[in-house]
Amino acid sequence: MADVVISAQLVKQLREMTDAPMMDCKKALVETGGDIDKAVDFLREKGLSKASKKADRIASEGVISMKIAPDFGKASLLEINSETDFVAKNDSFIALVSKTTDVVFDKELDTMQDLETISIDNTKFSEFFQQNIAKIGENIVLRRFQTLKANAQTVINGYVHTNKRVGVLITLRFGKEENRAKAIELAKSLAMHAAAMKPQTISYKDFAPDFIEKEKVALVAELEKENEELARLKKPLHKIPRFVSQKELTAEILKSEEEHLKEELRAQNKPEAIWDRIIPGQMERFVADNTLLDQRLTLLGQFFILDDKKRVEQILSESGKAADDVFSVIDYVRFELGEGIEKKENDFAAEVAAQLG
């Protein structure tokens, strides 16, 4: 092996194939007697070894990546994490994100198990990813991804914020083909709203009764605590709601509240002829005051970021009426970078001790 002459051209070829450092390429060729295929395997094994040592490092930076079909019939959303924001701007990392996004989108993947059946450049996906970890020099994690597919009556649109830390997909149903473009535009607006306002689910209908009761206790306690400070400052106090979700506002409760409002108007000697102009606004206020949980956690229950006098549900209803159609959100995905990942606090003294040991 010592007699094998390794040409600069061969080293250059191996470097282009693997993107490994020049000296490592030369060493690999020396170790394998100039056999470039074996040298690739040599570097792969070395790379995999290096990558596995990086796997215990927390990857909580990175990007949210999105791809939407030109006809808005399909879309994929991915979270790919790196350890540092600096590497997230690296050309190799950006290329890895792009290729991974294309694969998830093209193959319409939804689970990690699906991904493991896929090959990229004749390499199993897991190996391909590990090779890139070794090449880039940081732990990189494909944390999650989801692909949504539309049918004839739905479109999918989305939004990724300019910092690539938040991304949303919305599937919107419509009735008339001539309203497809309106539905696409509305889905984009709702995705932008959701990126900013962080709804956890589409509707109050998704809440379990025990969840509502638990959250009501916490929400009331929060408002009462805030009222103590407001009282000290001699500012108006929060109303303490009887209910916190539309799911609690049964037809009987709404009817009872309407009768109560009529009694108040009667006691104020308001003419019955104008009640119809007063009661709808007061009922709307009652619903708003008693659906605070929906406003915090549901897309449809939140006040629309572009018109904070109307809930998203109202925007959908009004948009549908204006188009002589019905628009409804049937799927919603929101990824925020690093959401739920606890960053490790580095104990420098412990790291030094470990190295000395």
Protein backbone atom coordinates (compact mmCIF):
# COMPACT_ATOMS: atom_id res chain seq x y z
CA MET A 1 0.00 0.00 0.00
CA ALA A 2 2.86 2.31 0.71
CA ASP A 3 3.92 2.03 -2.95
CA VAL A 4 0.52 3.16 -4.26
CA VAL A 5 0.70 6.61 -5.82
CA ILE A 6 -2.37 8.68 -4.99
CA SER A 7 -2.86 11.35 -7.62
CA ALA A 8 -4.26 14.78 -6.83
CA GLN A 9 -6.97 14.09 -9.42
CA LEU A 10 -8.12 10.97 -7.54
CA VAL A 11 -8.21 12.87 -4.26
CA LYS A 12 -10.25 15.61 -5.94
CA GLN A 13 -12.69 13.04 -7.36
CA LEU A 14 -13.22 11.45 -3.95
CA ARG A 15 -13.71 14.83 -2.33
CA GLU A 16 -16.38 15.72 -4.91
CA MET A 17 -18.13 12.40 -4.31
CA THR A 18 -18.12 12.66 -0.50
CA ASP A 19 -17.47 16.31 0.37
CA ALA A 20 -15.05 15.03 3.02
CA PRO A 21 -11.95 17.11 3.90
CA MET A 22 -9.03 16.81 1.44
CA MET A 23 -6.62 15.16 3.91
CA ASP A 24 -9.25 12.62 4.96
CA CYS A 25 -9.81 11.76 1.29
CA LYS A 26 -6.12 11.22 0.74
CA LYS A 27 -5.85 9.05 3.87
CA ALA A 28 -8.84 6.97 2.76
CA LEU A 29 -7.28 6.33 -0.63
CA VAL A 30 -3.97 5.37 0.96
CA GLU A 31 -5.71 2.98 3.36
CA THR A 32 -7.66 1.34 0.53
CA GLY A 33 -4.84 1.11 -1.99
CA GLY A 34 -6.33 3.72 -4.29
CA ASP A 35 -9.67 1.88 -4.69
CA ILE A 36 -12.13 4.78 -4.85
CA ASP A 37 -15.22 2.66 -4.08
CA LYS A 38 -13.59 1.24 -0.97
CA ALA A 39 -12.40 4.73 -0.07
CA VAL A 40 -16.02 5.96 -0.21
CA ASP A 41 -16.99 3.14 2.18
CA PHE A 42 -14.02 3.97 4.39
CA LEU A 43 -15.13 7.60 4.67
CA ARG A 44 -18.77 6.57 5.13
CA GLU A 45 -17.83 4.36 8.05
CA LYS A 46 -15.72 7.13 9.50
CA GLY A 47 -18.51 9.60 8.94
CA LEU A 48 -21.11 7.37 10.54
CA SER A 49 -18.87 6.93 13.55
CA LYS A 50 -18.47 10.69 13.88
CA ALA A 51 -22.19 11.26 13.39
CA SER A 52 -23.18 8.80 16.10
CA LYS A 53 -21.07 10.71 18.62
CA LYS A 54 -23.02 13.84 17.74
CA ALA A 55 -26.41 12.21 18.19
CA ASP A 56 -26.69 12.99 21.90
CA ARG A 57 -26.34 16.72 21.30
CA ILE A 58 -29.57 18.69 21.40
CA ALA A 59 -30.73 19.94 18.00
CA SER A 60 -33.23 22.72 18.62
CA GLU A 61 -32.34 25.20 15.88
CA GLY A 62 -32.86 24.59 12.17
CA VAL A 63 -35.76 25.36 9.85
CA ILE A 64 -39.39 24.73 9.05
CA SER A 65 -39.64 23.72 5.39
CA MET A 66 -42.75 23.64 3.21
CA LYS A 67 -43.61 22.55 -0.32
CA ILE A 68 -46.98 23.16 -1.97
CA ALA A 69 -48.12 21.76 -5.31
CA PRO A 70 -48.73 24.37 -8.05
CA ASP A 71 -52.41 23.35 -8.14
CA PHE A 72 -52.67 23.50 -4.31
CA GLY A 73 -53.70 19.85 -4.26
CA LYS A 74 -50.90 18.63 -2.01
CA ALA A 75 -48.45 20.05 0.52
CA SER A 76 -45.77 18.90 2.94
CA LEU A 77 -44.47 20.57 6.09
CA LEU A 78 -41.23 19.51 7.81
CA GLU A 79 -39.19 20.46 10.85
CA ILE A 80 -35.47 19.77 10.44
CA ASN A 81 -33.34 20.65 13.45
CA SER A 82 -29.69 21.56 13.80
CA GLU A 83 -27.68 22.44 16.89
CA THR A 84 -26.93 26.03 15.91
CA ASP A 85 -28.59 28.75 13.91
CA PHE A 86 -25.28 29.24 12.11
CA VAL A 87 -25.37 25.77 10.55
CA ALA A 88 -29.02 26.30 9.57
CA LYS A 89 -27.68 28.88 7.09
CA ASN A 90 -25.00 26.52 5.74
CA ASP A 91 -25.30 25.66 2.01
CA SER A 92 -24.96 21.92 2.69
CA PHE A 93 -27.68 22.04 5.32
CA ILE A 94 -29.95 24.03 2.98
CA ALA A 95 -29.35 21.43 0.24
CA LEU A 96 -30.16 18.62 2.69
CA VAL A 97 -33.40 20.34 3.69
CA SER A 98 -34.38 20.86 0.05
CA LYS A 99 -33.72 17.24 -0.96
CA THR A 100 -35.49 15.84 2.11
CA THR A 101 -38.49 18.09 1.53
CA ASP A 102 -38.71 16.97 -2.10
CA VAL A 103 -38.65 13.31 -1.06
CA VAL A 104 -41.36 13.71 1.58
CA PHE A 105 -43.51 15.71 -0.86
CA ASP A 106 -42.99 13.50 -3.93
CA LYS A 107 -43.58 10.24 -2.04
CA GLU A 108 -46.44 11.75 0.04
CA LEU A 109 -44.87 10.53 3.28
CA ASP A 110 -46.38 10.90 6.74
CA THR A 111 -44.39 8.63 9.09
CA MET A 112 -40.76 7.89 9.86
CA GLN A 113 -41.46 4.25 9.01
CA ASP A 114 -42.47 5.33 5.49
CA LEU A 115 -39.27 7.31 5.17
CA GLU A 116 -37.09 4.34 6.07
CA THR A 117 -38.28 2.54 2.92
CA ILE A 118 -36.98 5.37 0.71
CA SER A 119 -33.56 5.67 -0.93
CA ILE A 120 -31.84 8.87 -2.00
CA ASP A 121 -29.04 8.62 -4.56
CA ASN A 122 -29.11 4.81 -4.15
CA THR A 123 -28.56 5.17 -0.40
CA LYS A 124 -31.05 4.33 2.34
CA PHE A 125 -32.47 7.53 3.75
CA SER A 126 -31.07 6.94 7.25
CA GLU A 127 -27.56 6.47 5.85
CA PHE A 128 -27.93 9.47 3.55
CA PHE A 129 -28.91 11.59 6.54
CA GLN A 130 -26.05 10.31 8.70
CA GLN A 131 -23.55 11.04 5.94
CA ASN A 132 -24.77 14.63 5.87
CA ILE A 133 -24.46 14.87 9.66
CA ALA A 134 -20.81 13.84 9.35
CA LYS A 135 -20.22 16.22 6.46
CA ILE A 136 -21.89 19.24 8.06
CA GLY A 137 -20.37 18.62 11.49
CA GLU A 138 -23.46 18.94 13.70
CA ASN A 139 -26.26 16.74 14.89
CA ILE A 140 -29.19 17.16 12.49
CA VAL A 141 -32.63 15.70 13.15
CA LEU A 142 -35.62 15.29 10.89
CA ARG A 143 -37.97 15.78 13.79
CA ARG A 144 -41.40 15.61 12.16
CA PHE A 145 -43.22 16.02 8.89
CA GLN A 146 -46.72 15.81 7.50
CA THR A 147 -48.22 15.66 4.02
CA LEU A 148 -51.77 16.81 3.28
CA LYS A 149 -53.66 15.86 0.11
CA ALA A 150 -56.70 17.63 -1.31
CA ASN A 151 -59.70 16.34 -3.25
CA ALA A 152 -61.94 17.98 -5.84
CA GLN A 153 -63.67 20.12 -3.19
CA THR A 154 -60.62 21.18 -1.17
CA VAL A 155 -57.40 23.15 -1.57
CA ILE A 156 -54.28 23.30 0.59
CA ASN A 157 -52.26 26.44 1.16
CA GLY A 158 -49.75 27.47 3.77
CA TYR A 159 -47.28 29.94 5.12
CA VAL A 160 -43.74 29.81 6.47
CA HIS A 161 -42.57 32.91 8.32
CA THR A 162 -39.52 34.67 6.88
CA ASN A 163 -37.33 33.44 9.74
CA LYS A 164 -38.33 29.83 8.89
CA ARG A 165 -39.18 29.13 12.52
CA VAL A 166 -42.96 28.74 12.10
CA GLY A 167 -44.96 27.06 9.36
CA VAL A 168 -48.66 26.30 8.85
CA LEU A 169 -50.76 24.29 6.40
CA ILE A 170 -54.53 24.76 6.02
CA THR A 171 -56.92 22.54 4.06
CA LEU A 172 -60.02 24.50 3.08
CA ARG A 173 -63.24 23.07 1.69
CA PHE A 174 -65.36 24.99 -0.82
CA GLY A 175 -68.45 24.14 -2.85
CA LYS A 176 -68.23 25.81 -6.25
CA GLU A 177 -65.34 25.41 -8.67
CA GLU A 178 -65.43 29.10 -9.57
CA ASN A 179 -64.48 29.85 -5.94
CA ARG A 180 -61.27 27.78 -5.98
CA ALA A 181 -59.06 30.86 -6.26
CA LYS A 182 -60.89 32.57 -3.38
CA ALA A 183 -60.45 29.43 -1.26
CA ILE A 184 -56.70 29.34 -2.03
CA GLU A 185 -56.31 32.97 -1.01
CA LEU A 186 -58.40 32.55 2.15
CA ALA A 187 -56.41 29.46 3.19
CA LYS A 188 -53.18 31.49 2.90
CA SER A 189 -54.64 34.28 5.06
CA LEU A 190 -55.74 31.78 7.71
CA ALA A 191 -52.30 30.13 7.67
CA MET A 192 -50.66 33.51 8.28
CA HIS A 193 -53.09 34.12 11.16
CA ALA A 194 -52.33 30.72 12.70
CA ALA A 195 -48.58 31.26 12.40
CA ALA A 196 -48.90 34.38 14.57
CA MET A 197 -51.70 33.37 16.96
CA LYS A 198 -50.71 29.74 17.72
CA PRO A 199 -54.09 27.96 17.82
CA GLN A 200 -53.71 24.38 19.04
CA THR A 201 -56.71 22.94 17.22
CA ILE A 202 -59.39 23.88 14.70
CA SER A 203 -62.54 24.07 16.81
CA TYR A 204 -63.99 23.85 20.32
CA LYS A 205 -65.58 20.62 19.09
CA ASP A 206 -62.14 19.04 19.52
CA PHE A 207 -62.17 19.66 23.31
CA ALA A 208 -63.03 16.88 25.76
CA PRO A 209 -65.40 17.94 28.61
CA ASP A 210 -62.82 17.14 31.33
CA PHE A 211 -60.23 19.28 29.51
CA ILE A 212 -62.66 22.22 29.49
CA GLU A 213 -63.38 21.86 33.21
CA LYS A 214 -59.70 21.67 34.08
CA GLU A 215 -58.85 24.70 31.93
CA LYS A 216 -61.79 26.67 33.31
CA VAL A 217 -60.45 26.36 36.85
CA ALA A 218 -57.02 27.59 35.73
CA LEU A 219 -58.42 30.42 33.59
CA VAL A 220 -60.74 31.74 36.31
CA ALA A 221 -57.91 31.61 38.85
CA GLU A 222 -55.70 33.55 36.42
CA LEU A 223 -58.33 36.26 35.91
CA GLU A 224 -59.03 36.57 39.63
CA LYS A 225 -55.31 36.96 40.31
CA GLU A 226 -55.06 39.66 37.62
CA ASN A 227 -58.11 41.39 39.14
CA GLU A 228 -56.24 41.78 42.44
CA GLU A 229 -53.59 43.85 40.66
CA LEU A 230 -56.16 45.74 38.58
CA ALA A 231 -58.08 46.63 41.77
CA ARG A 232 -54.87 47.88 43.37
CA LEU A 233 -54.28 50.09 40.33
CA LYS A 234 -57.94 51.18 40.33
CA LYS A 235 -58.43 49.88 36.78
CA PRO A 236 -61.50 48.09 35.34
CA LEU A 237 -61.67 44.44 36.41
CA HIS A 238 -61.99 41.39 34.19
CA LYS A 239 -65.42 39.78 34.07
CA ILE A 240 -65.23 36.33 35.61
CA PRO A 241 -66.95 34.08 33.07
CA ARG A 242 -69.44 31.37 33.89
CA PHE A 243 -68.32 29.44 30.84
CA VAL A 244 -65.12 29.29 28.81
CA SER A 245 -66.05 27.41 25.62
CA GLN A 246 -68.75 27.37 22.98
CA LYS A 247 -69.10 23.67 23.80
CA GLU A 248 -70.68 24.68 27.12
CA LEU A 249 -73.10 27.16 25.56
CA THR A 250 -76.06 24.90 24.93
CA ALA A 251 -79.23 26.08 23.19
CA GLU A 252 -80.91 26.27 26.62
CA ILE A 253 -78.18 28.51 28.05
CA LEU A 254 -78.29 30.84 25.05
CA LYS A 255 -82.09 31.02 25.20
CA SER A 256 -81.94 31.76 28.93
CA GLU A 257 -79.43 34.57 28.36
CA GLU A 258 -81.57 36.06 25.61
CA GLU A 259 -84.61 36.08 27.94
CA HIS A 260 -82.48 37.72 30.64
CA LEU A 261 -81.45 40.47 28.18
CA LYS A 262 -85.07 41.05 27.24
CA GLU A 263 -85.98 41.45 30.92
CA GLU A 264 -83.22 44.03 31.31
CA LEU A 265 -84.41 45.97 28.25
CA ARG A 266 -87.96 45.84 29.56
CA ALA A 267 -86.82 47.15 32.95
CA GLN A 268 -85.00 49.98 31.14
CA ASN A 269 -88.23 50.83 29.27
CA LYS A 270 -86.56 50.23 25.91
CA PRO A 271 -89.21 49.96 23.13
CA GLU A 272 -89.64 46.39 21.88
CA ALA A 273 -89.38 47.70 18.33
CA ILE A 274 -85.63 48.23 18.76
CA TRP A 275 -84.81 45.06 20.70
CA ASP A 276 -83.86 43.24 17.50
CA ARG A 277 -81.15 45.83 16.92
CA ILE A 278 -79.78 45.53 20.48
CA ILE A 279 -80.03 41.86 21.42
CA PRO A 280 -77.80 40.34 18.66
CA GLY A 281 -74.87 42.57 19.66
CA GLN A 282 -75.35 41.79 23.35
CA MET A 283 -75.57 38.05 22.64
CA GLU A 284 -72.39 38.30 20.63
CA ARG A 285 -70.73 40.00 23.59
CA PHE A 286 -72.02 37.27 25.92
CA VAL A 287 -70.55 34.57 23.66
CA ALA A 288 -67.23 36.44 23.43
CA ASP A 289 -67.03 36.83 27.22
CA ASN A 290 -67.76 33.13 27.74
CA THR A 291 -65.52 31.52 25.13
CA LEU A 292 -62.09 32.63 26.33
CA LEU A 293 -60.66 29.13 26.04
CA ASP A 294 -61.74 28.92 22.40
CA GLN A 295 -60.18 32.32 21.73
CA ARG A 296 -56.87 31.17 23.14
CA LEU A 297 -56.64 27.68 21.71
CA THR A 298 -58.85 27.26 18.63
CA LEU A 299 -58.40 28.60 15.12
CA LEU A 300 -62.11 29.25 14.53
CA GLY A 301 -62.63 30.83 17.96
CA GLN A 302 -59.81 33.37 17.70
CA PHE A 303 -60.32 36.95 16.59
CA PHE A 304 -58.89 37.29 13.10
CA ILE A 305 -55.53 39.03 13.06
CA LEU A 306 -56.52 41.19 10.05
CA ASP A 307 -59.91 42.15 11.53
CA ASP A 308 -59.89 41.84 15.32
CA LYS A 309 -63.61 42.59 15.62
CA LYS A 310 -64.48 39.26 14.01
CA ARG A 311 -63.65 35.68 14.88
CA VAL A 312 -62.12 33.45 12.20
CA GLU A 313 -65.40 31.51 12.14
CA GLN A 314 -67.21 34.73 11.18
CA ILE A 315 -64.63 35.53 8.49
CA LEU A 316 -65.24 32.09 6.95
CA SER A 317 -69.01 32.53 7.11
CA GLU A 318 -68.98 36.02 5.60
CA SER A 319 -66.50 35.02 2.89
CA GLY A 320 -68.73 32.09 1.99
CA LYS A 321 -71.87 34.23 1.82
CA ALA A 322 -70.11 36.81 -0.35
CA ALA A 323 -69.17 34.03 -2.80
CA ASP A 324 -72.55 32.26 -2.51
CA ASP A 325 -70.66 29.28 -1.13
CA VAL A 326 -69.60 27.60 2.11
CA PHE A 327 -65.94 27.64 3.21
CA SER A 328 -64.73 25.42 6.05
CA VAL A 329 -61.37 24.42 7.51
CA ILE A 330 -61.02 20.65 7.55
CA ASP A 331 -57.30 20.21 8.35
CA TYR A 332 -54.68 22.29 10.13
CA VAL A 333 -50.99 21.67 10.81
CA ARG A 334 -48.68 24.07 12.62
CA PHE A 335 -44.99 23.45 13.34
CA GLU A 336 -42.89 25.80 15.43
CA LEU A 337 -39.15 25.23 15.50
CA GLY A 338 -37.92 23.53 18.67
CA GLU A 339 -41.42 23.37 20.15
CA GLY A 340 -41.30 21.08 23.18
CA ILE A 341 -37.54 20.49 22.99
CA GLU A 342 -35.73 21.18 26.23
CA LYS A 343 -32.27 22.54 25.57
CA LYS A 344 -29.53 21.01 27.66
CA GLU A 345 -27.76 23.34 30.05
CA ASN A 346 -24.07 22.75 29.55
CA ASP A 347 -22.19 22.03 32.78
CA PHE A 348 -18.71 23.21 31.82
CA ALA A 349 -17.05 21.90 34.96
CA ALA A 350 -18.59 18.45 34.41
CA GLU A 351 -17.45 18.42 30.77
CA VAL A 352 -13.87 19.26 31.79
CA ALA A 353 -13.94 16.62 34.53
CA ALA A 354 -15.23 14.03 32.06
CA GLN A 355 -12.46 14.85 29.61
CA LEU A 356 -9.79 14.69 32.33
CA GLY A 357 -11.21 11.40 33.55
